[in-house]
C-alpha atoms as a PDB file:
ATOM      1  CA  MET A   1      -0.091  -0.001  -0.043  1.00  0.00           C
ATOM      2  CA  ASN A   2       1.234   3.451  -0.827  1.00  0.00           C
ATOM      3  CA  MET A   3       0.020   6.902  -0.247  1.00  0.00           C
ATOM      4  CA  SER A   4      -2.008   7.195  -3.340  1.00  0.00           C
ATOM      5  CA  ASP A   5      -4.098   4.123  -2.123  1.00  0.00           C
ATOM      6  CA  LYS A   6      -6.776   6.320  -0.554  1.00  0.00           C
ATOM      7  CA  MET A   7      -9.571   3.740  -0.250  1.00  0.00           C
ATOM      8  CA  VAL A   8      -7.280   1.272   1.449  1.00  0.00           C
ATOM      9  CA  THR A   9      -6.213   4.018   3.914  1.00  0.00           C
ATOM     10  CA  VAL A  10      -9.912   4.899   4.723  1.00  0.00           C
ATOM     11  CA  PHE A  11     -10.579   1.098   5.315  1.00  0.00           C
ATOM     12  CA  ARG A  12      -7.551   0.742   7.540  1.00  0.00           C
ATOM     13  CA  ARG A  13      -8.802   3.808   9.371  1.00  0.00           C
ATOM     14  CA  GLN A  14     -12.084   2.224  10.284  1.00  0.00           C
ATOM     15  CA  PHE A  15     -10.623  -1.322  10.824  1.00  0.00           C
ATOM     16  CA  ASP A  16      -7.870  -0.344  13.291  1.00  0.00           C
ATOM     17  CA  PRO A  17      -9.971   1.217  15.963  1.00  0.00           C
ATOM     18  CA  THR A  18     -12.507  -1.682  15.630  1.00  0.00           C
ATOM     19  CA  VAL A  19      -9.848  -4.185  16.532  1.00  0.00           C
ATOM     20  CA  GLU A  20      -8.496  -1.831  19.348  1.00  0.00           C
ATOM     21  CA  MET A  21     -12.130  -1.914  20.689  1.00  0.00           C
ATOM     22  CA  LEU A  22     -11.974  -5.563  20.728  1.00  0.00           C
ATOM     23  CA  LYS A  23      -8.889  -5.558  22.795  1.00  0.00           C
ATOM     24  CA  ASN A  24     -10.446  -2.881  25.092  1.00  0.00           C
ATOM     25  CA  LEU A  25     -13.282  -5.320  25.805  1.00  0.00           C
ATOM     26  CA  ILE A  26     -10.656  -7.892  27.290  1.00  0.00           C
ATOM     27  CA  GLU A  27      -9.096  -5.130  29.402  1.00  0.00           C
ATOM     28  CA  VAL A  28     -12.352  -3.651  30.950  1.00  0.00           C
ATOM     29  CA  CYS A  29     -13.920  -7.132  31.761  1.00  0.00           C
ATOM     30  CA  PRO A  30     -13.516  -8.092  35.605  1.00  0.00           C
ATOM     31  CA  ASP A  31     -11.689 -11.414  36.094  1.00  0.00           C
ATOM     32  CA  HIS A  32     -14.798 -12.843  37.826  1.00  0.00           C
ATOM     33  CA  PHE A  33     -17.063 -11.957  34.879  1.00  0.00           C
ATOM     34  CA  TRP A  34     -14.501 -13.194  32.327  1.00  0.00           C
ATOM     35  CA  LYS A  35     -14.788 -16.569  33.938  1.00  0.00           C
ATOM     36  CA  ASP A  36     -18.540 -16.622  34.077  1.00  0.00           C
ATOM     37  CA  ALA A  37     -19.707 -19.224  31.513  1.00  0.00           C
ATOM     38  CA  LYS A  38     -23.355 -18.107  31.519  1.00  0.00           C
ATOM     39  CA  HIS A  39     -22.554 -14.786  29.569  1.00  0.00           C
ATOM     40  CA  LYS A  40     -20.125 -16.402  27.035  1.00  0.00           C
ATOM     41  CA  TYR A  41     -18.407 -13.051  27.055  1.00  0.00           C
ATOM     42  CA  TRP A  42     -14.838 -14.172  26.199  1.00  0.00           C
ATOM     43  CA  LYS A  43     -16.337 -16.417  23.445  1.00  0.00           C
ATOM     44  CA  HIS A  44     -17.704 -13.416  21.723  1.00  0.00           C
ATOM     45  CA  ILE A  45     -14.237 -11.962  21.440  1.00  0.00           C
ATOM     46  CA  PHE A  46     -12.650 -15.378  20.547  1.00  0.00           C
ATOM     47  CA  HIS A  47     -15.284 -15.811  17.975  1.00  0.00           C
ATOM     48  CA  ALA A  48     -14.919 -12.301  16.172  1.00  0.00           C
ATOM     49  CA  THR A  49     -11.100 -12.946  16.231  1.00  0.00           C
ATOM     50  CA  THR A  50     -11.264 -16.330  14.808  1.00  0.00           C
ATOM     51  CA  SER A  51     -13.352 -15.029  11.887  1.00  0.00           C
ATOM     52  CA  MET A  52     -10.798 -12.434  11.254  1.00  0.00           C
ATOM     53  CA  LYS A  53      -8.164 -15.209  11.247  1.00  0.00           C
ATOM     54  CA  PHE A  54     -10.302 -17.091   8.799  1.00  0.00           C
ATOM     55  CA  TRP A  55     -11.083 -14.335   6.365  1.00  0.00           C
ATOM     56  CA  PHE A  56      -7.830 -12.299   6.245  1.00  0.00           C
ATOM     57  CA  ARG A  57      -5.630 -15.297   5.023  1.00  0.00           C
ATOM     58  CA  GLN A  58      -3.536 -14.433   2.137  1.00  0.00           C
ATOM     59  CA  GLN A  59      -3.460 -18.188   0.447  1.00  0.00           C
ATOM     60  CA  LYS A  60      -6.409 -20.383  -0.095  1.00  0.00           C
ATOM     61  CA  ASP A  61      -4.349 -23.457   1.001  1.00  0.00           C
ATOM     62  CA  GLU A  62      -2.975 -21.605   4.080  1.00  0.00           C
ATOM     63  CA  GLU A  63      -3.881 -23.855   7.116  1.00  0.00           C
ATOM     64  CA  PHE A  64      -6.654 -22.679   9.243  1.00  0.00           C
ATOM     65  CA  THR A  65      -6.402 -23.916  12.876  1.00  0.00           C
ATOM     66  CA  ILE A  66      -8.334 -22.585  15.707  1.00  0.00           C
ATOM     67  CA  PRO A  67      -6.167 -22.419  18.973  1.00  0.00           C
ATOM     68  CA  ASP A  68      -7.663 -24.028  21.995  1.00  0.00           C
ATOM     69  CA  PHE A  69      -4.654 -22.879  24.313  1.00  0.00           C
ATOM     70  CA  GLY A  70      -4.639 -26.479  25.377  1.00  0.00           C
ATOM     71  CA  LYS A  71      -7.984 -26.251  27.186  1.00  0.00           C
ATOM     72  CA  ASP A  72     -11.578 -27.535  26.410  1.00  0.00           C
ATOM     73  CA  ILE A  73     -12.681 -24.459  24.515  1.00  0.00           C
ATOM     74  CA  THR A  74     -14.281 -23.536  21.268  1.00  0.00           C
ATOM     75  CA  GLU A  75     -15.295 -20.446  19.372  1.00  0.00           C
ATOM     76  CA  ASP A  76     -18.590 -21.821  18.478  1.00  0.00           C
ATOM     77  CA  LEU A  77     -21.174 -19.717  20.355  1.00  0.00           C
ATOM     78  CA  ASP A  78     -23.496 -22.635  20.312  1.00  0.00           C
ATOM     79  CA  LYS A  79     -21.264 -25.234  21.889  1.00  0.00           C
ATOM     80  CA  GLU A  80     -20.413 -25.312  25.692  1.00  0.00           C
ATOM     81  CA  CYS A  81     -16.907 -25.259  27.003  1.00  0.00           C
ATOM     82  CA  SER A  82     -15.617 -26.669  30.382  1.00  0.00           C
ATOM     83  CA  ASP A  83     -12.749 -23.977  30.454  1.00  0.00           C
ATOM     84  CA  TYR A  84     -11.922 -20.533  29.259  1.00  0.00           C
ATOM     85  CA  PRO A  85      -8.795 -18.756  27.834  1.00  0.00           C
ATOM     86  CA  THR A  86      -7.019 -16.249  30.325  1.00  0.00           C
ATOM     87  CA  LYS A  87      -7.352 -12.639  29.509  1.00  0.00           C
ATOM     88  CA  GLU A  88      -3.710 -12.518  28.568  1.00  0.00           C
ATOM     89  CA  GLU A  89      -4.020 -15.501  26.139  1.00  0.00           C
ATOM     90  CA  MET A  90      -6.878 -13.812  24.429  1.00  0.00           C
ATOM     91  CA  THR A  91      -5.008 -10.519  24.249  1.00  0.00           C
ATOM     92  CA  GLU A  92      -2.052 -12.309  22.657  1.00  0.00           C
ATOM     93  CA  TYR A  93      -4.345 -13.941  20.265  1.00  0.00           C
ATOM     94  CA  VAL A  94      -6.078 -10.739  19.219  1.00  0.00           C
ATOM     95  CA  GLU A  95      -2.678  -9.183  18.760  1.00  0.00           C
ATOM     96  CA  GLU A  96      -1.485 -12.166  16.705  1.00  0.00           C
ATOM     97  CA  ILE A  97      -4.673 -11.774  14.473  1.00  0.00           C
ATOM     98  CA  MET A  98      -4.037  -8.036  14.031  1.00  0.00           C
ATOM     99  CA  SER A  99      -0.672  -8.801  12.651  1.00  0.00           C
ATOM    100  CA  VAL A 100      -2.480 -11.162  10.065  1.00  0.00           C
ATOM    101  CA  ALA A 101      -4.701  -8.264   9.199  1.00  0.00           C
ATOM    102  CA  ARG A 102      -1.900  -5.684   8.811  1.00  0.00           C
ATOM    103  CA  ASN A 103      -0.401  -8.060   6.306  1.00  0.00           C
ATOM    104  CA  PHE A 104      -3.598  -8.404   4.511  1.00  0.00           C
ATOM    105  CA  PHE A 105      -3.954  -4.604   4.359  1.00  0.00           C
ATOM    106  CA  THR A 106      -0.097  -4.090   3.608  1.00  0.00           C
ATOM    107  CA  GLU A 107      -0.423  -6.142   0.304  1.00  0.00           C
ATOM    108  CA  LEU A 108      -3.457  -4.353  -0.603  1.00  0.00           C
ATOM    109  CA  THR A 109      -3.966  -1.489  -3.136  1.00  0.00           C
ATOM    110  CA  ASP A 110      -7.021   0.473  -4.315  1.00  0.00           C
ATOM    111  CA  GLY A 111      -6.558  -1.340  -7.586  1.00  0.00           C
ATOM    112  CA  ARG A 112      -6.993  -4.729  -5.968  1.00  0.00           C
ATOM    113  CA  LEU A 113      -9.854  -3.932  -3.730  1.00  0.00           C
ATOM    114  CA  LEU A 114     -12.436  -5.576  -6.051  1.00  0.00           C
ATOM    115  CA  GLU A 115     -10.403  -8.567  -6.709  1.00  0.00           C
ATOM    116  CA  PRO A 116     -11.845 -11.781  -5.378  1.00  0.00           C
ATOM    117  CA  CYS A 117     -10.707 -12.899  -2.017  1.00  0.00           C
ATOM    118  CA  VAL A 118      -8.624 -15.863  -1.995  1.00  0.00           C
ATOM    119  CA  LEU A 119     -11.319 -18.023  -0.453  1.00  0.00           C
ATOM    120  CA  TYR A 120     -14.331 -17.383  -2.545  1.00  0.00           C
ATOM    121  CA  GLU A 121     -14.615 -15.895  -6.106  1.00  0.00           C
ATOM    122  CA  GLU A 122     -17.865 -14.219  -5.335  1.00  0.00           C
ATOM    123  CA  ILE A 123     -16.576 -12.263  -2.347  1.00  0.00           C
ATOM    124  CA  THR A 124     -14.227  -9.261  -2.914  1.00  0.00           C
ATOM    125  CA  LYS A 125     -11.312  -8.166  -0.809  1.00  0.00           C
ATOM    126  CA  THR A 126     -13.509  -5.075   0.059  1.00  0.00           C
ATOM    127  CA  ASP A 127     -16.307  -7.321   1.134  1.00  0.00           C
ATOM    128  CA  VAL A 128     -13.992  -9.113   3.382  1.00  0.00           C
ATOM    129  CA  ILE A 129     -12.965  -5.837   5.182  1.00  0.00           C
ATOM    130  CA  LEU A 130     -16.357  -4.519   5.660  1.00  0.00           C
ATOM    131  CA  MET A 131     -17.721  -8.039   6.867  1.00  0.00           C
ATOM    132  CA  GLN A 132     -15.190  -8.090   9.430  1.00  0.00           C
ATOM    133  CA  ILE A 133     -15.722  -4.622  10.539  1.00  0.00           C
ATOM    134  CA  ARG A 134     -19.521  -5.217  10.820  1.00  0.00           C
ATOM    135  CA  HIS A 135     -18.918  -8.751  12.461  1.00  0.00           C
ATOM    136  CA  VAL A 136     -16.432  -7.441  15.088  1.00  0.00           C
ATOM    137  CA  GLN A 137     -18.436  -4.294  15.857  1.00  0.00           C
ATOM    138  CA  HIS A 138     -21.537  -6.645  16.557  1.00  0.00           C
ATOM    139  CA  HIS A 139     -19.867  -8.738  18.953  1.00  0.00           C
ATOM    140  CA  ILE A 140     -18.246  -5.460  20.541  1.00  0.00           C
ATOM    141  CA  GLY A 141     -21.863  -4.155  20.893  1.00  0.00           C
ATOM    142  CA  TYR A 142     -23.068  -7.436  22.288  1.00  0.00           C
ATOM    143  CA  CYS A 143     -20.280  -7.623  24.968  1.00  0.00           C
ATOM    144  CA  ASN A 144     -20.865  -3.864  25.825  1.00  0.00           C
ATOM    145  CA  SER A 145     -24.454  -4.615  26.344  1.00  0.00           C
ATOM    146  CA  ILE A 146     -23.579  -7.633  28.601  1.00  0.00           C
ATOM    147  CA  LEU A 147     -21.298  -5.302  30.649  1.00  0.00           C
ATOM    148  CA  ASN A 148     -23.703  -2.399  30.627  1.00  0.00           C
ATOM    149  CA  SER A 149     -26.618  -4.559  31.957  1.00  0.00           C
ATOM    150  CA  ASN A 150     -24.370  -5.739  34.708  1.00  0.00           C
ATOM    151  CA  HIS A 151     -23.438  -2.303  35.701  1.00  0.00           C
ATOM    152  CA  LEU A 152     -19.758  -2.754  34.570  1.00  0.00           C
ATOM    153  CA  GLN A 153     -17.600  -0.483  32.721  1.00  0.00           C
ATOM    154  CA  THR A 154     -17.908  -0.772  29.064  1.00  0.00           C
ATOM    155  CA  ALA A 155     -15.233  -0.506  26.212  1.00  0.00           C
ATOM    156  CA  LYS A 156     -15.282   3.127  24.686  1.00  0.00           C
ATOM    157  CA  TRP A 157     -15.964   3.993  21.327  1.00  0.00           C
ATOM    158  CA  LEU A 158     -12.803   4.779  19.381  1.00  0.00           C
END
């Protein structure tokens, strides 16, 4: 990406604070609430982050594995887990996926925004970016709603 890639710059300007807000959700969550299986709070962050890991791949044949941190966990919101990742593990995972996303953006130019993504011909690279912003923001809102309804501090809008 170079300075003439104005649309990529705009997308990046929206994407970066979205992921920062996701990280902030980890920071603001009290430890006792993080461990509470009823709310599935951490699972929404894990699910959204794993989605970015899936969609921001650069190669179709790139191996896609979902980390379990050596624990009985899944990003699937409909499946139960007997454990949870620590807040530190989740922060590291989000940062790892931020690096994957940065690589995706670094390789992108305005001229390539309408190219198909590597996974599906009918989905463009622009679609991938916008889908991930929308998806992550959905889960940020969901988690903030959980925090707010329990009279806890929420992640601030960036």
